Structures are given as structure tokens and as C-alpha cells.
């Protein structure tokens, strides 16, 4: 009976070592779980930061879109002013040509009047 007792004692001791080993593995897995939890929390903060950055870039994009639209209206206004100046320029060229014709006609009339006297 003593042999059986010794065998059970050895089995009990072995099971105790196995239990300790599983306990150590369990503790290690607990630390690993905590580490992954911390990493997950850090990634959550990073995700939130990128979300804020994305929102900020969206507002900046909207602002540039508004500026672009305003510049487009300004460009149209300058285009209209340019057309107006072009029309005035054409009018002045025509007026100058008409004035020169009037001047030449006057010279001809004065020359004719001088010659007929």
C-alpha cells in the first residue's frame, strides 16, 4: 500500500507542478490581454485623432471651395470690366477716325473755298 501511496503522492506532486505551470501561463496571458487592451485603447485614441484631422481637412476643403467660387465670381467681374474697356477703346478708335474724317473734310472745304476766291 505504501507503493500506491507513493505513486499517488508523485501524481499529486506532478499535478501540483502542472497546476503551477497553468497558473503561470494564465498570469502571462492576463498580462498579454492587458497589453492588447492598452494597444486597443491607444489605437482608439489615434483613430479619434485622425477623425478630428479628417473633419478639419473637410472644413479646410470647404473653405478653399468657397474661396475658389469667390475667385471665379471676381474673374467674371474682371472679364466684364475688360469687355467694357474693350468697347470703350473701340468707341474711342471710331471717334478718332470720325474726327480725322471731319478734319480732312474741313480741310477740303476750306481749300475749295480758298481756291474759289
PDB file of N, CA and C in Angstrom:
ATOM      1  N   UNK A   1       0.814  -1.182   0.000  1.00  0.00           N
ATOM      2  CA  UNK A   1       0.000   0.000   0.000  1.00  0.00           C
ATOM      3  C   UNK A   1       0.859   1.247   0.000  1.00  0.00           C
ATOM      4  N   UNK A   2       1.968   1.100   0.565  1.00  0.00           N
ATOM      5  CA  UNK A   2       2.885   2.229   0.648  1.00  0.00           C
ATOM      6  C   UNK A   2       3.349   2.637  -0.757  1.00  0.00           C
ATOM      7  N   UNK A   3       3.497   1.623  -1.644  1.00  0.00           N
ATOM      8  CA  UNK A   3       3.896   1.907  -3.024  1.00  0.00           C
ATOM      9  C   UNK A   3       2.817   2.707  -3.731  1.00  0.00           C
ATOM     10  N   UNK A   4       1.567   2.341  -3.537  1.00  0.00           N
ATOM     11  CA  UNK A   4       0.435   3.038  -4.156  1.00  0.00           C
ATOM     12  C   UNK A   4       0.345   4.444  -3.577  1.00  0.00           C
ATOM     13  N   UNK A   5       0.561   4.537  -2.302  1.00  0.00           N
ATOM     14  CA  UNK A   5       0.541   5.841  -1.639  1.00  0.00           C
ATOM     15  C   UNK A   5       1.609   6.740  -2.232  1.00  0.00           C
ATOM     16  N   UNK A   6       2.799   6.186  -2.419  1.00  0.00           N
ATOM     17  CA  UNK A   6       3.907   6.947  -3.004  1.00  0.00           C
ATOM     18  C   UNK A   6       3.591   7.355  -4.430  1.00  0.00           C
ATOM     19  N   UNK A   7       2.968   6.464  -5.190  1.00  0.00           N
ATOM     20  CA  UNK A   7       2.605   6.759  -6.573  1.00  0.00           C
ATOM     21  C   UNK A   7       1.601   7.908  -6.608  1.00  0.00           C
ATOM     22  N   UNK A   8       0.561   7.820  -5.746  1.00  0.00           N
ATOM     23  CA  UNK A   8      -0.428   8.905  -5.704  1.00  0.00           C
ATOM     24  C   UNK A   8       0.207  10.216  -5.255  1.00  0.00           C
ATOM     25  N   UNK A   9       1.155  10.111  -4.376  1.00  0.00           N
ATOM     26  CA  UNK A   9       1.854  11.296  -3.897  1.00  0.00           C
ATOM     27  C   UNK A   9       2.645  11.920  -5.041  1.00  0.00           C
ATOM     28  N   UNK A  10       3.302  11.068  -5.861  1.00  0.00           N
ATOM     29  CA  UNK A  10       4.059  11.565  -7.017  1.00  0.00           C
ATOM     30  C   UNK A  10       3.122  12.188  -8.041  1.00  0.00           C
ATOM     31  N   UNK A  11       1.981  11.499  -8.285  1.00  0.00           N
ATOM     32  CA  UNK A  11       0.984  12.035  -9.238  1.00  0.00           C
ATOM     33  C   UNK A  11       0.462  13.372  -8.709  1.00  0.00           C
ATOM     34  N   UNK A  12       0.200  13.422  -7.404  1.00  0.00           N
ATOM     35  CA  UNK A  12      -0.296  14.650  -6.788  1.00  0.00           C
ATOM     36  C   UNK A  12       0.718  15.772  -6.939  1.00  0.00           C
ATOM     37  N   UNK A  13       1.994  15.434  -6.720  1.00  0.00           N
ATOM     38  CA  UNK A  13       3.065  16.424  -6.857  1.00  0.00           C
ATOM     39  C   UNK A  13       3.172  16.888  -8.315  1.00  0.00           C
ATOM     40  N   UNK A  14       3.072  15.949  -9.255  1.00  0.00           N
ATOM     41  CA  UNK A  14       3.127  16.290 -10.680  1.00  0.00           C
ATOM     42  C   UNK A  14       1.957  17.198 -11.048  1.00  0.00           C
ATOM     43  N   UNK A  15       0.761  16.842 -10.559  1.00  0.00           N
ATOM     44  CA  UNK A  15      -0.415  17.668 -10.846  1.00  0.00           C
ATOM     45  C   UNK A  15      -0.266  19.067 -10.239  1.00  0.00           C
ATOM     46  N   UNK A  16       0.397  19.130  -9.100  1.00  0.00           N
ATOM     47  CA  UNK A  16       0.645  20.421  -8.456  1.00  0.00           C
ATOM     48  C   UNK A  16       1.561  21.276  -9.329  1.00  0.00           C
ATOM     49  N   UNK A  17       2.613  20.650  -9.897  1.00  0.00           N
ATOM     50  CA  UNK A  17       3.508  21.371 -10.817  1.00  0.00           C
ATOM     51  C   UNK A  17       2.754  21.824 -12.072  1.00  0.00           C
ATOM     52  N   UNK A  18       1.927  20.916 -12.602  1.00  0.00           N
ATOM     53  CA  UNK A  18       1.133  21.258 -13.794  1.00  0.00           C
ATOM     54  C   UNK A  18       0.196  22.413 -13.468  1.00  0.00           C
ATOM     55  N   UNK A  19      -0.416  22.368 -12.291  1.00  0.00           N
ATOM     56  CA  UNK A  19      -1.312  23.442 -11.866  1.00  0.00           C
ATOM     57  C   UNK A  19      -0.557  24.759 -11.779  1.00  0.00           C
ATOM     58  N   UNK A  20       0.667  24.719 -11.205  1.00  0.00           N
ATOM     59  CA  UNK A  20       1.504  25.921 -11.120  1.00  0.00           C
ATOM     60  C   UNK A  20       1.858  26.438 -12.511  1.00  0.00           C
ATOM     61  N   UNK A  21       2.175  25.493 -13.420  1.00  0.00           N
ATOM     62  CA  UNK A  21       2.523  25.889 -14.787  1.00  0.00           C
ATOM     63  C   UNK A  21       1.331  26.576 -15.450  1.00  0.00           C
ATOM     64  N   UNK A  22       0.137  25.975 -15.322  1.00  0.00           N
ATOM     65  CA  UNK A  22      -1.062  26.580 -15.911  1.00  0.00           C
ATOM     66  C   UNK A  22      -1.372  27.931 -15.268  1.00  0.00           C
ATOM     67  N   UNK A  23      -1.089  28.031 -13.984  1.00  0.00           N
ATOM     68  CA  UNK A  23      -1.292  29.289 -13.281  1.00  0.00           C
ATOM     69  C   UNK A  23      -0.362  30.363 -13.852  1.00  0.00           C
ATOM     70  N   UNK A  24       0.912  29.992 -14.109  1.00  0.00           N
ATOM     71  CA  UNK A  24       1.878  30.924 -14.702  1.00  0.00           C
ATOM     72  C   UNK A  24       1.452  31.319 -16.116  1.00  0.00           C
ATOM     73  N   UNK A  25       0.992  30.304 -16.897  1.00  0.00           N
ATOM     74  CA  UNK A  25       0.516  30.581 -18.254  1.00  0.00           C
ATOM     75  C   UNK A  25      -0.683  31.518 -18.188  1.00  0.00           C
ATOM     76  N   UNK A  26      -1.589  31.261 -17.246  1.00  0.00           N
ATOM     77  CA  UNK A  26      -2.777  32.100 -17.087  1.00  0.00           C
ATOM     78  C   UNK A  26      -2.373  33.533 -16.751  1.00  0.00           C
ATOM     79  N   UNK A  27      -1.393  33.688 -15.854  1.00  0.00           N
ATOM     80  CA  UNK A  27      -0.905  35.017 -15.475  1.00  0.00           C
ATOM     81  C   UNK A  27      -0.260  35.714 -16.678  1.00  0.00           C
ATOM     82  N   UNK A  28       0.525  34.964 -17.453  1.00  0.00           N
ATOM     83  CA  UNK A  28       1.161  35.540 -18.653  1.00  0.00           C
ATOM     84  C   UNK A  28       0.103  35.985 -19.658  1.00  0.00           C
ATOM     85  N   UNK A  29      -0.911  35.141 -19.850  1.00  0.00           N
ATOM     86  CA  UNK A  29      -1.996  35.501 -20.780  1.00  0.00           C
ATOM     87  C   UNK A  29      -2.762  36.721 -20.279  1.00  0.00           C
ATOM     88  N   UNK A  30      -2.872  36.857 -18.974  1.00  0.00           N
ATOM     89  CA  UNK A  30      -3.534  38.024 -18.399  1.00  0.00           C
ATOM     90  C   UNK A  30      -2.745  39.295 -18.723  1.00  0.00           C
ATOM     91  N   UNK A  31      -1.395  39.222 -18.590  1.00  0.00           N
ATOM     92  CA  UNK A  31      -0.550  40.365 -18.938  1.00  0.00           C
ATOM     93  C   UNK A  31      -0.656  40.696 -20.429  1.00  0.00           C
ATOM     94  N   UNK A  32      -0.646  39.637 -21.261  1.00  0.00           N
ATOM     95  CA  UNK A  32      -0.772  39.838 -22.709  1.00  0.00           C
ATOM     96  C   UNK A  32      -2.118  40.493 -23.025  1.00  0.00           C
ATOM     97  N   UNK A  33      -3.178  40.031 -22.358  1.00  0.00           N
ATOM     98  CA  UNK A  33      -4.506  40.600 -22.554  1.00  0.00           C
ATOM     99  C   UNK A  33      -4.517  42.081 -22.175  1.00  0.00           C
ATOM    100  N   UNK A  34      -3.861  42.413 -21.040  1.00  0.00           N
ATOM    101  CA  UNK A  34      -3.769  43.812 -20.613  1.00  0.00           C
ATOM    102  C   UNK A  34      -3.007  44.640 -21.641  1.00  0.00           C
ATOM    103  N   UNK A  35      -1.918  44.061 -22.172  1.00  0.00           N
ATOM    104  CA  UNK A  35      -1.124  44.780 -23.176  1.00  0.00           C
ATOM    105  C   UNK A  35      -1.965  45.049 -24.418  1.00  0.00           C
ATOM    106  N   UNK A  36      -2.687  44.035 -24.905  1.00  0.00           N
ATOM    107  CA  UNK A  36      -3.547  44.223 -26.079  1.00  0.00           C
ATOM    108  C   UNK A  36      -4.651  45.235 -25.789  1.00  0.00           C
ATOM    109  N   UNK A  37      -5.142  45.226 -24.565  1.00  0.00           N
ATOM    110  CA  UNK A  37      -6.166  46.188 -24.175  1.00  0.00           C
ATOM    111  C   UNK A  37      -5.602  47.608 -24.254  1.00  0.00           C
ATOM    112  N   UNK A  38      -4.370  47.788 -23.766  1.00  0.00           N
ATOM    113  CA  UNK A  38      -3.721  49.109 -23.838  1.00  0.00           C
ATOM    114  C   UNK A  38      -3.486  49.526 -25.286  1.00  0.00           C
ATOM    115  N   UNK A  39      -3.025  48.581 -26.103  1.00  0.00           N
ATOM    116  CA  UNK A  39      -2.806  48.873 -27.528  1.00  0.00           C
ATOM    117  C   UNK A  39      -4.124  49.248 -28.186  1.00  0.00           C
ATOM    118  N   UNK A  40      -5.180  48.512 -27.865  1.00  0.00           N
ATOM    119  CA  UNK A  40      -6.501  48.798 -28.424  1.00  0.00           C
ATOM    120  C   UNK A  40      -6.965  50.200 -28.035  1.00  0.00           C
ATOM    121  N   UNK A  41      -6.737  50.559 -26.758  1.00  0.00           N
ATOM    122  CA  UNK A  41      -7.115  51.890 -26.287  1.00  0.00           C
ATOM    123  C   UNK A  41      -6.305  52.967 -27.018  1.00  0.00           C
ATOM    124  N   UNK A  42      -5.001  52.727 -27.197  1.00  0.00           N
ATOM    125  CA  UNK A  42      -4.150  53.691 -27.913  1.00  0.00           C
ATOM    126  C   UNK A  42      -4.623  53.852 -29.355  1.00  0.00           C
ATOM    127  N   UNK A  43      -4.942  52.723 -29.998  1.00  0.00           N
ATOM    128  CA  UNK A  43      -5.424  52.785 -31.386  1.00  0.00           C
ATOM    129  C   UNK A  43      -6.760  53.511 -31.465  1.00  0.00           C
ATOM    130  N   UNK A  44      -7.566  53.372 -30.427  1.00  0.00           N
ATOM    131  CA  UNK A  44      -8.848  54.081 -30.387  1.00  0.00           C
ATOM    132  C   UNK A  44      -8.611  55.590 -30.329  1.00  0.00           C
ATOM    133  N   UNK A  45      -7.645  56.030 -29.499  1.00  0.00           N
ATOM    134  CA  UNK A  45      -7.309  57.458 -29.424  1.00  0.00           C
ATOM    135  C   UNK A  45      -6.749  57.954 -30.760  1.00  0.00           C
ATOM    136  N   UNK A  46      -5.878  57.151 -31.372  1.00  0.00           N
ATOM    137  CA  UNK A  46      -5.305  57.528 -32.672  1.00  0.00           C
ATOM    138  C   UNK A  46      -6.415  57.656 -33.715  1.00  0.00           C
ATOM    139  N   UNK A  47      -7.345  56.707 -33.706  1.00  0.00           N
ATOM    140  CA  UNK A  47      -8.478  56.753 -34.634  1.00  0.00           C
ATOM    141  C   UNK A  47      -9.295  58.024 -34.427  1.00  0.00           C
ATOM    142  N   UNK A  48      -9.518  58.372 -33.157  1.00  0.00           N
ATOM    143  CA  UNK A  48     -10.273  59.589 -32.843  1.00  0.00           C
ATOM    144  C   UNK A  48      -9.513  60.826 -33.332  1.00  0.00           C
ATOM    145  N   UNK A  49      -8.183  60.824 -33.155  1.00  0.00           N
ATOM    146  CA  UNK A  49      -7.369  61.959 -33.618  1.00  0.00           C
ATOM    147  C   UNK A  49      -7.468  62.090 -35.137  1.00  0.00           C
ATOM    148  N   UNK A  50      -7.361  60.965 -35.853  1.00  0.00           N
ATOM    149  CA  UNK A  50      -7.479  61.009 -37.313  1.00  0.00           C
ATOM    150  C   UNK A  50      -8.870  61.467 -37.731  1.00  0.00           C
ATOM    151  N   UNK A  51      -9.872  61.126 -36.942  1.00  0.00           N
ATOM    152  CA  UNK A  51     -11.233  61.572 -37.229  1.00  0.00           C
ATOM    153  C   UNK A  51     -11.317  63.091 -37.138  1.00  0.00           C
ATOM    154  N   UNK A  52     -10.690  63.665 -36.087  1.00  0.00           N
ATOM    155  CA  UNK A  52     -10.675  65.124 -35.946  1.00  0.00           C
ATOM    156  C   UNK A  52      -9.893  65.768 -37.102  1.00  0.00           C
ATOM    157  N   UNK A  53      -8.751  65.179 -37.446  1.00  0.00           N
ATOM    158  CA  UNK A  53      -7.948  65.707 -38.560  1.00  0.00           C
ATOM    159  C   UNK A  53      -8.760  65.662 -39.851  1.00  0.00           C
ATOM    160  N   UNK A  54      -9.462  64.557 -40.073  1.00  0.00           N
ATOM    161  CA  UNK A  54     -10.289  64.413 -41.268  1.00  0.00           C
ATOM    162  C   UNK A  54     -11.375  65.485 -41.305  1.00  0.00           C
ATOM    163  N   UNK A  55     -11.984  65.735 -40.149  1.00  0.00           N
ATOM    164  CA  UNK A  55     -13.032  66.761 -40.068  1.00  0.00           C
ATOM    165  C   UNK A  55     -12.444  68.149 -40.351  1.00  0.00           C
ATOM    166  N   UNK A  56     -11.266  68.408 -39.779  1.00  0.00           N
ATOM    167  CA  UNK A  56     -10.609  69.704 -40.010  1.00  0.00           C
ATOM    168  C   UNK A  56     -10.278  69.877 -41.490  1.00  0.00           C
ATOM    169  N   UNK A  57      -9.753  68.825 -42.107  1.00  0.00           N
ATOM    170  CA  UNK A  57      -9.420  68.901 -43.535  1.00  0.00           C
ATOM    171  C   UNK A  57     -10.667  69.090 -44.379  1.00  0.00           C
ATOM    172  N   UNK A  58     -11.774  68.533 -43.925  1.00  0.00           N
ATOM    173  CA  UNK A  58     -13.042  68.720 -44.628  1.00  0.00           C
ATOM    174  C   UNK A  58     -13.461  70.184 -44.585  1.00  0.00           C
ATOM    175  N   UNK A  59     -13.316  70.821 -43.397  1.00  0.00           N
ATOM    176  CA  UNK A  59     -13.646  72.247 -43.278  1.00  0.00           C
ATOM    177  C   UNK A  59     -12.709  73.094 -44.144  1.00  0.00           C
ATOM    178  N   UNK A  60     -11.410  72.752 -44.132  1.00  0.00           N
ATOM    179  CA  UNK A  60     -10.438  73.492 -44.949  1.00  0.00           C
ATOM    180  C   UNK A  60     -10.791  73.349 -46.425  1.00  0.00           C
ATOM    181  N   UNK A  61     -11.157  72.145 -46.839  1.00  0.00           N
ATOM    182  CA  UNK A  61     -11.552  71.903 -48.228  1.00  0.00           C
ATOM    183  C   UNK A  61     -12.768  72.748 -48.586  1.00  0.00           C
ATOM    184  N   UNK A  62     -13.738  72.811 -47.658  1.00  0.00           N
ATOM    185  CA  UNK A  62     -14.939  73.616 -47.879  1.00  0.00           C
ATOM    186  C   UNK A  62     -14.562  75.095 -48.017  1.00  0.00           C
ATOM    187  N   UNK A  63     -13.636  75.551 -47.164  1.00  0.00           N
ATOM    188  CA  UNK A  63     -13.205  76.951 -47.216  1.00  0.00           C
ATOM    189  C   UNK A  63     -12.537  77.251 -48.557  1.00  0.00           C
ATOM    190  N   UNK A  64     -11.645  76.362 -49.005  1.00  0.00           N
ATOM    191  CA  UNK A  64     -10.981  76.572 -50.293  1.00  0.00           C
ATOM    192  C   UNK A  64     -11.988  76.543 -51.434  1.00  0.00           C
ATOM    193  N   UNK A  65     -13.005  75.715 -51.303  1.00  0.00           N
ATOM    194  CA  UNK A  65     -14.054  75.659 -52.318  1.00  0.00           C
ATOM    195  C   UNK A  65     -14.782  76.999 -52.394  1.00  0.00           C
ATOM    196  N   UNK A  66     -15.076  77.581 -51.220  1.00  0.00           N
ATOM    197  CA  UNK A  66     -15.736  78.891 -51.182  1.00  0.00           C
ATOM    198  C   UNK A  66     -14.832  79.970 -51.768  1.00  0.00           C
ATOM    199  N   UNK A  67     -13.548  79.926 -51.414  1.00  0.00           N
ATOM    200  CA  UNK A  67     -12.585  80.897 -51.961  1.00  0.00           C
ATOM    201  C   UNK A  67     -12.509  80.753 -53.478  1.00  0.00           C
ATOM    202  N   UNK A  68     -12.477  79.506 -53.948  1.00  0.00           N
ATOM    203  CA  UNK A  68     -12.425  79.252 -55.384  1.00  0.00           C
ATOM    204  C   UNK A  68     -13.653  79.829 -56.081  1.00  0.00           C
ATOM    205  N   UNK A  69     -14.822  79.639 -55.458  1.00  0.00           N
ATOM    206  CA  UNK A  69     -16.066  80.171 -56.019  1.00  0.00           C
ATOM    207  C   UNK A  69     -16.019  81.701 -56.060  1.00  0.00           C
ATOM    208  N   UNK A  70     -15.533  82.318 -54.969  1.00  0.00           N
ATOM    209  CA  UNK A  70     -15.424  83.778 -54.917  1.00  0.00           C
ATOM    210  C   UNK A  70     -14.475  84.279 -55.999  1.00  0.00           C
ATOM    211  N   UNK A  71     -13.335  83.596 -56.158  1.00  0.00           N
ATOM    212  CA  UNK A  71     -12.365  83.993 -57.188  1.00  0.00           C
ATOM    213  C   UNK A  71     -12.962  83.836 -58.582  1.00  0.00           C
ATOM    214  N   UNK A  72     -13.820  82.850 -58.757  1.00  0.00           N
ATOM    215  CA  UNK A  72     -14.482  82.654 -60.038  1.00  0.00           C
ATOM    216  C   UNK A  72     -15.399  83.843 -60.340  1.00  0.00           C
ATOM    217  N   UNK A  73     -16.154  84.303 -59.306  1.00  0.00           N
ATOM    218  CA  UNK A  73     -17.008  85.476 -59.495  1.00  0.00           C
ATOM    219  C   UNK A  73     -16.171  86.723 -59.786  1.00  0.00           C
ATOM    220  N   UNK A  74     -15.048  86.894 -59.060  1.00  0.00           N
ATOM    221  CA  UNK A  74     -14.166  88.033 -59.292  1.00  0.00           C
ATOM    222  C   UNK A  74     -13.617  87.984 -60.710  1.00  0.00           C
ATOM    223  N   UNK A  75     -13.242  86.797 -61.165  1.00  0.00           N
ATOM    224  CA  UNK A  75     -12.726  86.627 -62.521  1.00  0.00           C
ATOM    225  C   UNK A  75     -13.783  87.035 -63.544  1.00  0.00           C
ATOM    226  N   UNK A  76     -15.040  86.622 -63.293  1.00  0.00           N
ATOM    227  CA  UNK A  76     -16.129  87.007 -64.200  1.00  0.00           C
ATOM    228  C   UNK A  76     -16.309  88.522 -64.210  1.00  0.00           C
ATOM    229  N   UNK A  77     -16.210  89.142 -63.023  1.00  0.00           N
ATOM    230  CA  UNK A  77     -16.357  90.595 -62.932  1.00  0.00           C
ATOM    231  C   UNK A  77     -15.251  91.287 -63.721  1.00  0.00           C
ATOM    232  N   UNK A  78     -14.005  90.833 -63.557  1.00  0.00           N
ATOM    233  CA  UNK A  78     -12.890  91.426 -64.296  1.00  0.00           C
ATOM    234  C   UNK A  78     -13.050  91.207 -65.803  1.00  0.00           C
ATOM    235  N   UNK A  79     -13.603  90.070 -66.156  1.00  0.00           N
ATOM    236  CA  UNK A  79     -13.856  89.787 -67.570  1.00  0.00           C
ATOM    237  C   UNK A  79     -14.870  90.779 -68.134  1.00  0.00           C
ATOM    238  N   UNK A  80     -15.921  91.061 -67.348  1.00  0.00           N
ATOM    239  CA  UNK A  80     -16.930  92.041 -67.772  1.00  0.00           C
ATOM    240  C   UNK A  80     -16.317  93.435 -67.879  1.00  0.00           C
ATOM    241  N   UNK A  81     -15.484  93.805 -66.893  1.00  0.00           N
ATOM    242  CA  UNK A  81     -14.808  95.114 -66.929  1.00  0.00           C
ATOM    243  C   UNK A  81     -13.894  95.185 -68.149  1.00  0.00           C
ATOM    244  N   UNK A  82     -13.201  94.097 -68.432  1.00  0.00           N
ATOM    245  CA  UNK A  82     -12.305  94.048 -69.595  1.00  0.00           C
ATOM    246  C   UNK A  82     -13.096  94.247 -70.886  1.00  0.00           C
ATOM    247  N   UNK A  83     -14.267  93.595 -70.983  1.00  0.00           N
ATOM    248  CA  UNK A  83     -15.122  93.759 -72.159  1.00  0.00           C
ATOM    249  C   UNK A  83     -15.593  95.210 -72.284  1.00  0.00           C
ATOM    250  N   UNK A  84     -15.943  95.810 -71.138  1.00  0.00           N
ATOM    251  CA  UNK A  84     -16.392  97.204 -71.148  1.00  0.00           C
ATOM    252  C   UNK A  84     -15.278  98.123 -71.636  1.00  0.00           C
ATOM    253  N   UNK A  85     -14.048  97.928 -71.115  1.00  0.00           N
ATOM    254  CA  UNK A  85     -12.916  98.741 -71.566  1.00  0.00           C
ATOM    255  C   UNK A  85     -12.631  98.521 -73.051  1.00  0.00           C
ATOM    256  N   UNK A  86     -12.808  97.296 -73.493  1.00  0.00           N
ATOM    257  CA  UNK A  86     -12.606  96.983 -74.901  1.00  0.00           C
ATOM    258  C   UNK A  86     -13.619  97.740 -75.757  1.00  0.00           C
ATOM    259  N   UNK A  87     -14.883  97.776 -75.305  1.00  0.00           N
ATOM    260  CA  UNK A  87     -15.918  98.517 -76.033  1.00  0.00           C
ATOM    261  C   UNK A  87     -15.602 100.014 -76.053  1.00  0.00           C
ATOM    262  N   UNK A  88     -15.170 100.558 -74.898  1.00  0.00           N
ATOM    263  CA  UNK A  88     -14.803 101.980 -74.824  1.00  0.00           C
ATOM    264  C   UNK A  88     -13.633 102.264 -75.762  1.00  0.00           C
ATOM    265  N   UNK A  89     -12.660 101.360 -75.779  1.00  0.00           N
ATOM    266  CA  UNK A  89     -11.497 101.511 -76.644  1.00  0.00           C
ATOM    267  C   UNK A  89     -11.927 101.533 -78.117  1.00  0.00           C
ATOM    268  N   UNK A  90     -12.817 100.624 -78.489  1.00  0.00           N
ATOM    269  CA  UNK A  90     -13.315 100.604 -79.872  1.00  0.00           C
ATOM    270  C   UNK A  90     -14.060 101.890 -80.194  1.00  0.00           C
ATOM    271  N   UNK A  91     -14.862 102.375 -79.220  1.00  0.00           N
ATOM    272  CA  UNK A  91     -15.590 103.626 -79.428  1.00  0.00           C
ATOM    273  C   UNK A  91     -14.603 104.773 -79.646  1.00  0.00           C
ATOM    274  N   UNK A  92     -13.540 104.832 -78.825  1.00  0.00           N
ATOM    275  CA  UNK A  92     -12.550 105.907 -78.958  1.00  0.00           C
ATOM    276  C   UNK A  92     -11.816 105.838 -80.292  1.00  0.00           C
ATOM    277  N   UNK A  93     -11.509 104.629 -80.741  1.00  0.00           N
ATOM    278  CA  UNK A  93     -10.854 104.469 -82.048  1.00  0.00           C
ATOM    279  C   UNK A  93     -11.774 104.977 -83.157  1.00  0.00           C
ATOM    280  N   UNK A  94     -13.064 104.580 -83.079  1.00  0.00           N
ATOM    281  CA  UNK A  94     -14.036 105.047 -84.082  1.00  0.00           C
ATOM    282  C   UNK A  94     -14.193 106.563 -84.016  1.00  0.00           C
ATOM    283  N   UNK A  95     -14.259 107.126 -82.803  1.00  0.00           N
ATOM    284  CA  UNK A  95     -14.400 108.574 -82.642  1.00  0.00           C
ATOM    285  C   UNK A  95     -13.206 109.302 -83.237  1.00  0.00           C
ATOM    286  N   UNK A  96     -12.014 108.759 -83.005  1.00  0.00           N
ATOM    287  CA  UNK A  96     -10.792 109.366 -83.558  1.00  0.00           C
ATOM    288  C   UNK A  96     -10.842 109.334 -85.084  1.00  0.00           C
ATOM    289  N   UNK A  97     -11.273 108.188 -85.644  1.00  0.00           N
ATOM    290  CA  UNK A  97     -11.350 108.069 -87.099  1.00  0.00           C
ATOM    291  C   UNK A  97     -12.372 109.056 -87.661  1.00  0.00           C
ATOM    292  N   UNK A  98     -13.500 109.202 -86.987  1.00  0.00           N
ATOM    293  CA  UNK A  98     -14.539 110.153 -87.434  1.00  0.00           C
ATOM    294  C   UNK A  98     -14.013 111.584 -87.335  1.00  0.00           C
ATOM    295  N   UNK A  99     -13.289 111.907 -86.236  1.00  0.00           N
ATOM    296  CA  UNK A  99     -12.709 113.244 -86.079  1.00  0.00           C
ATOM    297  C   UNK A  99     -11.713 113.532 -87.188  1.00  0.00           C
ATOM    298  N   UNK A 100     -10.878 112.548 -87.519  1.00  0.00           N
ATOM    299  CA  UNK A 100      -9.918 112.738 -88.611  1.00  0.00           C
ATOM    300  C   UNK A 100     -10.638 112.959 -89.937  1.00  0.00           C
ATOM    301  N   UNK A 101     -11.724 112.224 -90.178  1.00  0.00           N
ATOM    302  CA  UNK A 101     -12.506 112.419 -91.402  1.00  0.00           C
ATOM    303  C   UNK A 101     -13.112 113.815 -91.433  1.00  0.00           C
ATOM    304  N   UNK A 102     -13.655 114.261 -90.288  1.00  0.00           N
ATOM    305  CA  UNK A 102     -14.213 115.610 -90.210  1.00  0.00           C
ATOM    306  C   UNK A 102     -13.131 116.646 -90.484  1.00  0.00           C
ATOM    307  N   UNK A 103     -11.935 116.442 -89.897  1.00  0.00           N
ATOM    308  CA  UNK A 103     -10.829 117.374 -90.082  1.00  0.00           C
ATOM    309  C   UNK A 103     -10.425 117.424 -91.554  1.00  0.00           C
ATOM    310  N   UNK A 104     -10.308 116.257 -92.196  1.00  0.00           N
ATOM    311  CA  UNK A 104      -9.935 116.214 -93.610  1.00  0.00           C
ATOM    312  C   UNK A 104     -11.020 116.850 -94.481  1.00  0.00           C
ATOM    313  N   UNK A 105     -12.289 116.600 -94.134  1.00  0.00           N
ATOM    314  CA  UNK A 105     -13.400 117.215 -94.882  1.00  0.00           C
ATOM    315  C   UNK A 105     -13.345 118.732 -94.741  1.00  0.00           C
ATOM    316  N   UNK A 106     -13.084 119.201 -93.520  1.00  0.00           N
ATOM    317  CA  UNK A 106     -12.966 120.634 -93.282  1.00  0.00           C
ATOM    318  C   UNK A 106     -11.812 121.225 -94.078  1.00  0.00           C
ATOM    319  N   UNK A 107     -10.686 120.522 -94.122  1.00  0.00           N
ATOM    320  CA  UNK A 107      -9.542 120.992 -94.915  1.00  0.00           C
ATOM    321  C   UNK A 107      -9.906 121.093 -96.389  1.00  0.00           C
ATOM    322  N   UNK A 108     -10.617 120.083 -96.873  1.00  0.00           N
ATOM    323  CA  UNK A 108     -11.016 120.086 -98.285  1.00  0.00           C
ATOM    324  C   UNK A 108     -11.964 121.244 -98.556  1.00  0.00           C
ATOM    325  N   UNK A 109     -12.930 121.451 -97.661  1.00  0.00           N
ATOM    326  CA  UNK A 109     -13.895 122.543 -97.835  1.00  0.00           C
ATOM    327  C   UNK A 109     -13.193 123.907 -97.773  1.00  0.00           C
ATOM    328  N   UNK A 110     -12.287 124.051 -96.821  1.00  0.00           N
ATOM    329  CA  UNK A 110     -11.538 125.307 -96.709  1.00  0.00           C
ATOM    330  C   UNK A 110     -10.654 125.513 -97.932  1.00  0.00           C
ATOM    331  N   UNK A 111     -10.028 124.439 -98.415  1.00  0.00           N
ATOM    332  CA  UNK A 111      -9.183 124.529 -99.613  1.00  0.00           C
ATOM    333  C   UNK A 111     -10.005 124.908-100.829  1.00  0.00           C
ATOM    334  N   UNK A 112     -11.203 124.318-100.941  1.00  0.00           N
ATOM    335  CA  UNK A 112     -12.098 124.632-102.056  1.00  0.00           C
ATOM    336  C   UNK A 112     -12.546 126.071-101.977  1.00  0.00           C
ATOM    337  N   UNK A 113     -12.877 126.527-100.752  1.00  0.00           N
ATOM    338  CA  UNK A 113     -13.327 127.907-100.599  1.00  0.00           C
ATOM    339  C   UNK A 113     -12.201 128.867-100.927  1.00  0.00           C
ATOM    340  N   UNK A 114     -10.991 128.527-100.550  1.00  0.00           N
ATOM    341  CA  UNK A 114      -9.828 129.386-100.810  1.00  0.00           C
ATOM    342  C   UNK A 114      -9.561 129.453-102.316  1.00  0.00           C
ATOM    343  N   UNK A 115      -9.679 128.276-102.959  1.00  0.00           N
ATOM    344  CA  UNK A 115      -9.410 128.234-104.402  1.00  0.00           C
ATOM    345  C   UNK A 115     -10.498 128.960-105.186  1.00  0.00           C
ATOM    346  N   UNK A 116     -11.700 128.922-104.729  1.00  0.00           N
ATOM    347  CA  UNK A 116     -12.770 129.573-105.480  1.00  0.00           C
ATOM    348  C   UNK A 116     -12.745 131.097-105.294  1.00  0.00           C
ATOM    349  N   UNK A 117     -12.088 131.602-104.320  1.00  0.00           N
ATOM    350  CA  UNK A 117     -11.986 133.048-104.131  1.00  0.00           C
ATOM    351  C   UNK A 117     -10.844 133.566-104.886  1.00  0.00           C
TER     352      UNK A 117
END
